[in-house]
Amino acid sequence: MSIRIGIAGITGRMGIYLAEEAAAAATLAGGTSRTPPGGNGAPHFADITALARESDVVIDFTHASTVAAHAKALAATETPWVLGTTGYGAEEQWAVEAAAKTIPIIASPNFCTGVNLLLLLAEKLGHALDASQFDAEIVEMHHRQKVDAPSGTALALGRAVAAGRGVKLEDVAVLSREGNCGPRKDGEIGFATLRGGQIVGQHEVIFTAGDEQLSLSHKAFDRRVFASGAVRAALWLHAQPAGLYAMRDFLRL
């Protein structure tokens, strides 16, 4: 029997791609949306609970403001959850972790295979390159409609570098620089955020020493790569026990 995949925000920019990929790989159960249904013919549900009751797994790339409510609803219906939403805070993270005691959840700022390999390499380089010699900077660029900054992927890259160095990102992150901010401190992980046009996603991690520089970069050319990865993750997640997973678990990295 084919797995039924529900899409939260099915008429949104990512929702349209997710619906197409879900329909190609499994059974599209339908979705929720704040706008009228599109032309894919999928059932439209009034809320996340109604969608969850008709789905074997729900994929959610909606908005940070919905995370806590969706966590509660999906835990109540015992529906596995693929969470690609970014920009949420500690309270929402707590709600996700609480729901993971009841249902399997895979939460990731990026479902692209290449980016998750980049995360692994960033952590390894963070460990290998002495923070007192190599300054770490993360540069990201996205389309002009993106609402959170730095991007969830950029922050994940920062956390990867910090983990490699054995520190917490919150203790060393410099999210922006302006005015007379003084010289750079050893161990800082800096971020530069660019927005413009319809850039799908570009990320670069740069390690610079006094006499050499090493950089890792990734460019996404089509949003479908995120949708495809999320659907593959959904098919895997459906068979997992309750818990909070990452793409590293799915990709066996």
Protein backbone atom coordinates (compact mmCIF):
# COMPACT_ATOMS: atom_id res chain seq x y z
CA MET A 1 0.00 0.00 0.00
CA SER A 2 1.37 3.40 -1.01
CA ILE A 3 2.26 5.84 1.76
CA ARG A 4 -0.07 8.85 1.96
CA ILE A 5 1.88 12.11 2.14
CA GLY A 6 0.19 15.31 3.27
CA ILE A 7 1.60 18.76 2.48
CA ALA A 8 1.19 21.67 4.88
CA GLY A 9 0.97 24.81 2.75
CA ILE A 10 0.32 22.93 -0.48
CA THR A 11 -0.28 26.04 -2.61
CA GLY A 12 2.88 27.83 -1.50
CA ARG A 13 6.08 28.11 -3.50
CA MET A 14 7.60 25.00 -1.93
CA GLY A 15 4.24 23.32 -1.42
CA ILE A 16 3.64 23.06 -5.16
CA TYR A 17 6.96 21.27 -5.70
CA LEU A 18 6.37 19.05 -2.67
CA ALA A 19 2.95 18.04 -3.97
CA GLU A 20 4.37 17.12 -7.38
CA GLU A 21 7.21 15.08 -5.89
CA ALA A 22 4.89 13.36 -3.38
CA ALA A 23 2.43 12.42 -6.12
CA ALA A 24 5.26 10.93 -8.19
CA ALA A 25 6.76 8.87 -5.35
CA ALA A 26 3.74 7.93 -3.22
CA THR A 27 0.10 8.96 -2.74
CA LEU A 28 -0.64 12.66 -2.33
CA ALA A 29 -3.15 12.84 0.54
CA GLY A 30 -3.77 16.54 0.03
CA GLY A 31 -2.81 19.65 1.92
CA THR A 32 -3.62 22.76 3.87
CA SER A 33 -3.35 26.32 2.61
CA ARG A 34 -4.42 29.88 3.33
CA THR A 35 -5.28 30.31 -0.36
CA PRO A 36 -7.74 28.43 -2.62
CA PRO A 37 -6.65 24.99 -3.93
CA GLY A 38 -4.45 24.94 -7.01
CA GLY A 39 -4.78 22.87 -10.14
CA ASN A 40 -3.26 19.60 -8.89
CA GLY A 41 -6.65 18.20 -7.86
CA ALA A 42 -5.43 17.24 -4.38
CA PRO A 43 -7.92 17.28 -1.48
CA HIS A 44 -7.88 20.49 0.55
CA PHE A 45 -8.15 20.32 4.35
CA ALA A 46 -9.26 23.03 6.72
CA ASP A 47 -6.45 22.56 9.23
CA ILE A 48 -3.37 20.52 10.07
CA THR A 49 -5.31 18.07 12.26
CA ALA A 50 -7.72 17.18 9.46
CA LEU A 51 -4.80 16.70 7.07
CA ALA A 52 -2.87 14.56 9.57
CA ARG A 53 -5.83 12.20 10.03
CA GLU A 54 -5.73 11.38 6.31
CA SER A 55 -1.94 11.16 6.01
CA ASP A 56 0.72 8.63 6.94
CA VAL A 57 3.32 11.44 7.11
CA VAL A 58 3.10 15.23 6.80
CA ILE A 59 5.71 17.45 5.15
CA ASP A 60 5.79 21.00 6.48
CA PHE A 61 7.70 23.96 4.98
CA THR A 62 5.29 26.63 6.18
CA HIS A 63 6.24 29.33 8.72
CA ALA A 64 7.94 29.59 12.11
CA SER A 65 4.67 30.83 13.65
CA THR A 66 2.98 27.47 12.93
CA VAL A 67 5.63 25.17 14.39
CA ALA A 68 4.34 24.87 17.96
CA ALA A 69 0.72 24.32 16.92
CA HIS A 70 1.70 21.78 14.26
CA ALA A 71 3.88 19.93 16.76
CA LYS A 72 0.96 19.57 19.14
CA ALA A 73 -1.51 18.52 16.41
CA LEU A 74 0.76 15.96 14.79
CA ALA A 75 1.71 14.43 18.13
CA ALA A 76 -1.98 14.15 19.01
CA THR A 77 -2.75 12.32 15.75
CA GLU A 78 0.50 10.32 15.96
CA THR A 79 1.51 11.40 12.45
CA PRO A 80 5.21 11.42 11.44
CA TRP A 81 6.46 14.90 10.56
CA VAL A 82 9.03 16.15 8.05
CA LEU A 83 9.84 19.69 9.20
CA GLY A 84 11.65 22.00 6.81
CA THR A 85 10.54 25.28 8.37
CA THR A 86 13.35 27.59 9.54
CA GLY A 87 13.65 30.70 11.67
CA TYR A 88 11.86 29.42 14.77
CA GLY A 89 13.09 29.94 18.31
CA ALA A 90 13.65 28.10 21.57
CA GLU A 91 9.96 27.77 22.46
CA GLU A 92 9.16 26.14 19.12
CA GLN A 93 12.22 23.89 19.43
CA TRP A 94 10.93 22.72 22.80
CA ALA A 95 7.55 21.91 21.19
CA VAL A 96 9.30 19.88 18.46
CA GLU A 97 11.35 17.94 21.00
CA ALA A 98 8.25 17.25 23.09
CA ALA A 99 6.38 15.94 20.04
CA ALA A 100 9.34 13.70 19.15
CA LYS A 101 8.65 11.67 22.29
CA THR A 102 5.46 10.50 20.57
CA ILE A 103 6.17 10.60 16.83
CA PRO A 104 9.17 10.37 14.50
CA ILE A 105 10.28 13.81 13.28
CA ILE A 106 13.02 14.69 10.84
CA ALA A 107 13.83 18.39 11.12
CA SER A 108 16.32 20.02 8.80
CA PRO A 109 16.97 23.51 7.47
CA ASN A 110 17.91 21.92 4.15
CA PHE A 111 16.89 18.60 2.56
CA CYS A 112 19.44 18.76 -0.25
CA THR A 113 22.02 15.96 -0.20
CA GLY A 114 24.85 18.29 -1.23
CA VAL A 115 24.21 20.73 1.60
CA ASN A 116 24.19 17.94 4.18
CA LEU A 117 27.54 16.74 2.88
CA LEU A 118 28.71 20.36 3.16
CA LEU A 119 27.64 20.37 6.81
CA LEU A 120 29.71 17.26 7.46
CA LEU A 121 32.77 18.76 5.77
CA ALA A 122 32.34 22.07 7.61
CA GLU A 123 32.43 20.25 10.94
CA LYS A 124 35.51 18.29 9.96
CA LEU A 125 37.34 21.43 8.84
CA GLY A 126 36.24 23.24 11.98
CA HIS A 127 37.96 20.49 13.94
CA ALA A 128 41.06 20.31 11.76
CA LEU A 129 41.78 24.03 11.38
CA ASP A 130 42.91 25.80 14.55
CA ALA A 131 40.50 28.63 15.42
CA SER A 132 43.38 30.85 16.52
CA GLN A 133 44.86 30.65 13.02
CA PHE A 134 41.87 30.18 10.68
CA ASP A 135 39.03 32.71 10.75
CA ALA A 136 35.67 31.19 9.80
CA GLU A 137 33.10 33.17 7.82
CA ILE A 138 29.81 32.04 6.31
CA VAL A 139 28.28 33.85 3.34
CA GLU A 140 24.77 33.13 2.09
CA MET A 141 22.49 34.57 -0.58
CA HIS A 142 18.80 33.92 -1.20
CA HIS A 143 15.86 35.35 -3.13
CA ARG A 144 14.42 38.69 -2.13
CA GLN A 145 11.25 37.14 -0.59
CA LYS A 146 13.08 35.17 2.11
CA VAL A 147 11.94 36.36 5.54
CA ASP A 148 14.59 34.98 7.94
CA ALA A 149 18.26 35.92 8.11
CA PRO A 150 20.77 34.40 8.33
CA SER A 151 19.24 31.41 6.59
CA GLY A 152 18.61 28.23 8.53
CA THR A 153 21.25 26.51 6.43
CA ALA A 154 23.82 29.22 7.17
CA LEU A 155 23.17 28.84 10.90
CA ALA A 156 23.44 25.06 10.56
CA LEU A 157 26.81 25.53 8.88
CA GLY A 158 27.87 27.78 11.74
CA ARG A 159 26.79 25.14 14.24
CA ALA A 160 28.75 22.53 12.30
CA VAL A 161 31.95 24.60 12.42
CA ALA A 162 31.36 25.35 16.11
CA ALA A 163 30.80 21.66 16.87
CA GLY A 164 34.08 20.83 15.15
CA ARG A 165 35.79 23.39 17.37
CA GLY A 166 34.09 22.12 20.50
CA VAL A 167 32.16 25.33 21.23
CA LYS A 168 28.56 26.55 21.04
CA LEU A 169 27.67 28.76 18.10
CA GLU A 170 25.76 31.13 20.41
CA ASP A 171 29.02 31.93 22.19
CA VAL A 172 31.06 32.79 19.08
CA ALA A 173 28.62 33.89 16.36
CA VAL A 174 28.79 37.40 14.87
CA LEU A 175 25.63 37.71 12.82
CA SER A 176 26.47 41.15 11.41
CA ARG A 177 29.12 43.87 11.54
CA GLU A 178 28.47 47.58 11.40
CA GLY A 179 30.34 50.74 12.31
CA ASN A 180 33.43 50.75 14.50
CA CYS A 181 33.13 47.15 15.68
CA GLY A 182 36.84 46.68 16.42
CA PRO A 183 39.21 43.99 15.17
CA ARG A 184 38.07 40.43 14.67
CA LYS A 185 38.44 38.17 17.70
CA ASP A 186 39.97 34.70 17.58
CA GLY A 187 37.35 31.99 17.31
CA GLU A 188 34.55 34.16 15.97
CA ILE A 189 32.27 32.65 13.33
CA GLY A 190 31.03 35.49 11.17
CA PHE A 191 27.98 35.66 8.90
CA ALA A 192 27.20 37.74 5.82
CA THR A 193 23.63 37.73 4.51
CA LEU A 194 22.75 38.73 0.94
CA ARG A 195 19.27 38.99 -0.59
CA GLY A 196 18.29 39.65 -4.19
CA GLY A 197 16.46 38.48 -7.26
CA GLN A 198 15.31 34.88 -7.30
CA ILE A 199 18.46 33.13 -6.03
CA VAL A 200 17.38 29.68 -4.83
CA GLY A 201 20.22 29.31 -2.36
CA GLN A 202 23.97 29.87 -2.21
CA HIS A 203 26.18 29.08 0.78
CA GLU A 204 29.92 29.32 1.31
CA VAL A 205 32.07 28.53 4.34
CA ILE A 206 35.45 30.31 4.21
CA PHE A 207 38.44 29.55 6.42
CA THR A 208 41.17 32.19 6.13
CA ALA A 209 44.61 32.17 7.75
CA GLY A 210 47.49 34.61 7.37
CA ASP A 211 48.92 32.83 4.35
CA GLU A 212 46.18 30.62 2.90
CA GLN A 213 42.43 30.27 2.44
CA LEU A 214 40.13 27.29 2.05
CA SER A 215 36.45 27.49 1.10
CA LEU A 216 33.50 25.13 0.72
CA SER A 217 30.49 26.17 -1.32
CA HIS A 218 27.13 24.94 -2.56
CA LYS A 219 24.63 26.40 -5.02
CA ALA A 220 21.07 25.21 -5.55
CA PHE A 221 19.64 25.92 -8.98
CA ASP A 222 16.10 24.58 -8.53
CA ARG A 223 13.82 24.44 -5.47
CA ARG A 224 12.75 20.99 -6.58
CA VAL A 225 15.97 19.58 -5.10
CA PHE A 226 14.66 20.44 -1.61
CA ALA A 227 11.24 18.94 -2.34
CA SER A 228 12.72 15.72 -3.72
CA GLY A 229 14.92 15.31 -0.65
CA ALA A 230 12.02 15.97 1.72
CA VAL A 231 9.82 13.37 0.04
CA ARG A 232 12.60 10.76 0.16
CA ALA A 233 13.07 11.60 3.83
CA ALA A 234 9.31 11.18 4.39
CA LEU A 235 9.31 7.70 2.89
CA TRP A 236 12.18 6.76 5.22
CA LEU A 237 10.72 8.45 8.29
CA HIS A 238 7.41 6.60 8.06
CA ALA A 239 9.12 3.38 9.19
CA GLN A 240 11.12 4.91 12.06
CA PRO A 241 10.28 4.87 15.78
CA ALA A 242 9.48 8.06 17.67
CA GLY A 243 12.42 10.42 17.97
CA LEU A 244 14.01 13.55 16.56
CA TYR A 245 16.09 12.83 13.46
CA ALA A 246 18.30 14.86 11.13
CA MET A 247 19.15 14.41 7.46
CA ARG A 248 22.45 12.94 8.60
CA ASP A 249 20.48 9.99 10.02
CA PHE A 250 18.56 9.50 6.77
CA LEU A 251 21.67 9.79 4.60
CA ARG A 252 23.71 7.64 7.03
CA LEU A 253 26.50 10.19 7.16
